[in-house]
Amino acid sequence: MSDLQPGAIVLPDKTYDTDAIRNFTKLRKCWANIQAKTNRKQTLNFSPWVYRQRNLVERF
């Protein structure tokens, strides 16, 4: 992740929903489109459509 360029979109699955990853991507001026874990209390920006598109990459 140290090679992230500004404007990149990070698309991990929800097991990577940590404040550390979100803060790291924010510092790099990237967008972390990570589905929130069920135990997260705050609401975060998330696009279900973009998240579904990562499936295409995984299958490729």
N, C-alpha and C. Protein backbone atom coordinates (compact mmCIF):
# COMPACT_ATOMS: atom_id res chain seq x y z
N MET A 1 0.81 -1.19 0.00
CA MET A 1 0.00 0.00 0.00
C MET A 1 0.86 1.26 0.00
N SER A 2 2.13 1.13 0.22
CA SER A 2 2.98 2.31 0.23
C SER A 2 3.14 2.92 -1.15
N ASP A 3 2.72 2.21 -2.21
CA ASP A 3 2.81 2.73 -3.57
C ASP A 3 1.54 3.41 -4.04
N LEU A 4 0.58 3.61 -3.15
CA LEU A 4 -0.68 4.24 -3.55
C LEU A 4 -0.45 5.64 -4.07
N GLN A 5 -1.08 5.94 -5.18
CA GLN A 5 -1.00 7.27 -5.77
C GLN A 5 -2.26 8.06 -5.38
N PRO A 6 -2.15 9.37 -5.26
CA PRO A 6 -3.33 10.18 -4.94
C PRO A 6 -4.46 9.94 -5.93
N GLY A 7 -5.66 9.82 -5.42
CA GLY A 7 -6.83 9.59 -6.26
C GLY A 7 -7.17 8.12 -6.46
N ALA A 8 -6.36 7.23 -5.95
CA ALA A 8 -6.62 5.80 -6.11
C ALA A 8 -7.81 5.37 -5.25
N ILE A 9 -8.44 4.29 -5.66
CA ILE A 9 -9.54 3.71 -4.89
C ILE A 9 -9.07 2.37 -4.36
N VAL A 10 -9.17 2.19 -3.05
CA VAL A 10 -8.77 0.94 -2.40
C VAL A 10 -10.03 0.12 -2.20
N LEU A 11 -10.02 -1.15 -2.66
CA LEU A 11 -11.22 -1.99 -2.64
C LEU A 11 -11.04 -3.30 -1.88
N PRO A 12 -10.64 -3.28 -0.64
CA PRO A 12 -10.53 -4.54 0.09
C PRO A 12 -11.89 -5.01 0.60
N ASP A 13 -11.95 -6.25 1.05
CA ASP A 13 -13.21 -6.71 1.63
C ASP A 13 -13.32 -6.19 3.06
N LYS A 14 -14.47 -6.47 3.68
CA LYS A 14 -14.74 -5.83 4.96
C LYS A 14 -13.89 -6.31 6.12
N THR A 15 -13.12 -7.36 5.95
CA THR A 15 -12.20 -7.76 7.02
C THR A 15 -11.10 -6.73 7.22
N TYR A 16 -10.89 -5.87 6.22
CA TYR A 16 -9.88 -4.82 6.31
C TYR A 16 -10.46 -3.49 6.77
N ASP A 17 -11.65 -3.50 7.31
CA ASP A 17 -12.28 -2.28 7.81
C ASP A 17 -11.66 -1.90 9.15
N THR A 18 -10.52 -1.23 9.09
CA THR A 18 -9.86 -0.75 10.30
C THR A 18 -9.61 0.74 10.17
N ASP A 19 -9.56 1.42 11.29
CA ASP A 19 -9.28 2.85 11.27
C ASP A 19 -7.88 3.12 10.73
N ALA A 20 -6.95 2.22 11.00
CA ALA A 20 -5.57 2.41 10.53
C ALA A 20 -5.52 2.44 9.00
N ILE A 21 -6.19 1.52 8.35
CA ILE A 21 -6.19 1.48 6.88
C ILE A 21 -6.92 2.69 6.32
N ARG A 22 -8.03 3.04 6.92
CA ARG A 22 -8.79 4.20 6.45
C ARG A 22 -7.97 5.48 6.61
N ASN A 23 -7.28 5.63 7.72
CA ASN A 23 -6.47 6.83 7.95
C ASN A 23 -5.27 6.87 7.00
N PHE A 24 -4.66 5.72 6.76
CA PHE A 24 -3.52 5.64 5.84
C PHE A 24 -3.93 6.08 4.44
N THR A 25 -5.06 5.57 3.95
CA THR A 25 -5.51 5.94 2.62
C THR A 25 -5.91 7.42 2.56
N LYS A 26 -6.47 7.91 3.63
CA LYS A 26 -6.85 9.32 3.67
C LYS A 26 -5.61 10.22 3.59
N LEU A 27 -4.54 9.84 4.30
CA LEU A 27 -3.30 10.61 4.24
C LEU A 27 -2.70 10.61 2.83
N ARG A 28 -2.91 9.52 2.12
CA ARG A 28 -2.40 9.41 0.75
C ARG A 28 -3.36 10.00 -0.27
N LYS A 29 -4.44 10.62 0.22
CA LYS A 29 -5.47 11.23 -0.63
C LYS A 29 -6.12 10.20 -1.56
N CYS A 30 -6.42 9.04 -0.99
CA CYS A 30 -7.10 7.96 -1.71
C CYS A 30 -8.46 7.73 -1.06
N TRP A 31 -9.28 6.95 -1.74
CA TRP A 31 -10.60 6.63 -1.21
C TRP A 31 -10.64 5.15 -0.87
N ALA A 32 -10.93 4.84 0.38
CA ALA A 32 -11.07 3.45 0.82
C ALA A 32 -12.54 3.08 0.77
N ASN A 33 -12.92 2.36 -0.26
CA ASN A 33 -14.31 1.90 -0.38
C ASN A 33 -14.40 0.53 0.27
N ILE A 34 -14.52 0.55 1.59
CA ILE A 34 -14.55 -0.69 2.37
C ILE A 34 -15.91 -0.79 3.04
N GLN A 35 -16.55 -1.93 2.85
CA GLN A 35 -17.83 -2.15 3.52
C GLN A 35 -17.59 -2.22 5.02
N ALA A 36 -18.39 -1.50 5.79
CA ALA A 36 -18.20 -1.44 7.24
C ALA A 36 -18.56 -2.77 7.89
N LYS A 37 -17.76 -3.13 8.88
CA LYS A 37 -18.09 -4.32 9.67
C LYS A 37 -19.38 -4.06 10.44
N THR A 38 -20.04 -5.11 10.84
CA THR A 38 -21.31 -4.96 11.54
C THR A 38 -21.15 -4.33 12.92
N ASN A 39 -19.97 -4.42 13.51
CA ASN A 39 -19.79 -3.84 14.84
C ASN A 39 -19.32 -2.38 14.81
N ARG A 40 -19.14 -1.80 13.63
CA ARG A 40 -18.74 -0.39 13.53
C ARG A 40 -19.93 0.50 13.86
N LYS A 41 -19.71 1.49 14.70
CA LYS A 41 -20.80 2.34 15.16
C LYS A 41 -21.03 3.55 14.28
N GLN A 42 -20.00 4.04 13.61
CA GLN A 42 -20.17 5.22 12.78
C GLN A 42 -20.47 4.84 11.35
N THR A 43 -21.14 5.73 10.63
CA THR A 43 -21.46 5.52 9.22
C THR A 43 -20.37 6.15 8.37
N LEU A 44 -19.93 5.41 7.37
CA LEU A 44 -18.85 5.88 6.50
C LEU A 44 -19.31 5.86 5.05
N ASN A 45 -18.62 6.63 4.21
CA ASN A 45 -18.93 6.62 2.78
C ASN A 45 -18.61 5.25 2.19
N PHE A 46 -19.56 4.72 1.45
CA PHE A 46 -19.40 3.40 0.84
C PHE A 46 -20.28 3.32 -0.39
N SER A 47 -19.74 2.81 -1.48
CA SER A 47 -20.50 2.63 -2.71
C SER A 47 -20.67 1.14 -2.97
N PRO A 48 -21.88 0.62 -2.81
CA PRO A 48 -22.09 -0.82 -3.10
C PRO A 48 -21.80 -1.17 -4.55
N TRP A 49 -22.07 -0.26 -5.49
CA TRP A 49 -21.82 -0.54 -6.90
C TRP A 49 -20.32 -0.73 -7.16
N VAL A 50 -19.49 0.18 -6.63
CA VAL A 50 -18.04 0.07 -6.80
C VAL A 50 -17.54 -1.21 -6.13
N TYR A 51 -18.08 -1.51 -4.98
CA TYR A 51 -17.67 -2.71 -4.24
C TYR A 51 -17.97 -3.97 -5.05
N ARG A 52 -19.11 -4.01 -5.73
CA ARG A 52 -19.46 -5.17 -6.55
C ARG A 52 -18.52 -5.33 -7.73
N GLN A 53 -17.99 -4.22 -8.24
CA GLN A 53 -17.11 -4.28 -9.40
C GLN A 53 -15.79 -4.98 -9.08
N ARG A 54 -15.39 -4.99 -7.81
CA ARG A 54 -14.15 -5.67 -7.45
C ARG A 54 -14.25 -7.17 -7.70
N ASN A 55 -15.48 -7.69 -7.70
CA ASN A 55 -15.69 -9.11 -8.01
C ASN A 55 -15.19 -9.44 -9.41
N LEU A 56 -15.39 -8.52 -10.35
CA LEU A 56 -14.91 -8.75 -11.71
C LEU A 56 -13.39 -8.89 -11.73
N VAL A 57 -12.71 -8.09 -10.95
CA VAL A 57 -11.26 -8.14 -10.89
C VAL A 57 -10.81 -9.46 -10.26
N GLU A 58 -11.50 -9.88 -9.20
CA GLU A 58 -11.12 -11.14 -8.55
C GLU A 58 -11.30 -12.33 -9.47
N ARG A 59 -12.34 -12.31 -10.28
CA ARG A 59 -12.58 -13.43 -11.20
C ARG A 59 -11.63 -13.42 -12.37
N PHE A 60 -11.13 -12.24 -12.73
CA PHE A 60 -10.21 -12.13 -13.85
C PHE A 60 -8.92 -12.83 -13.52
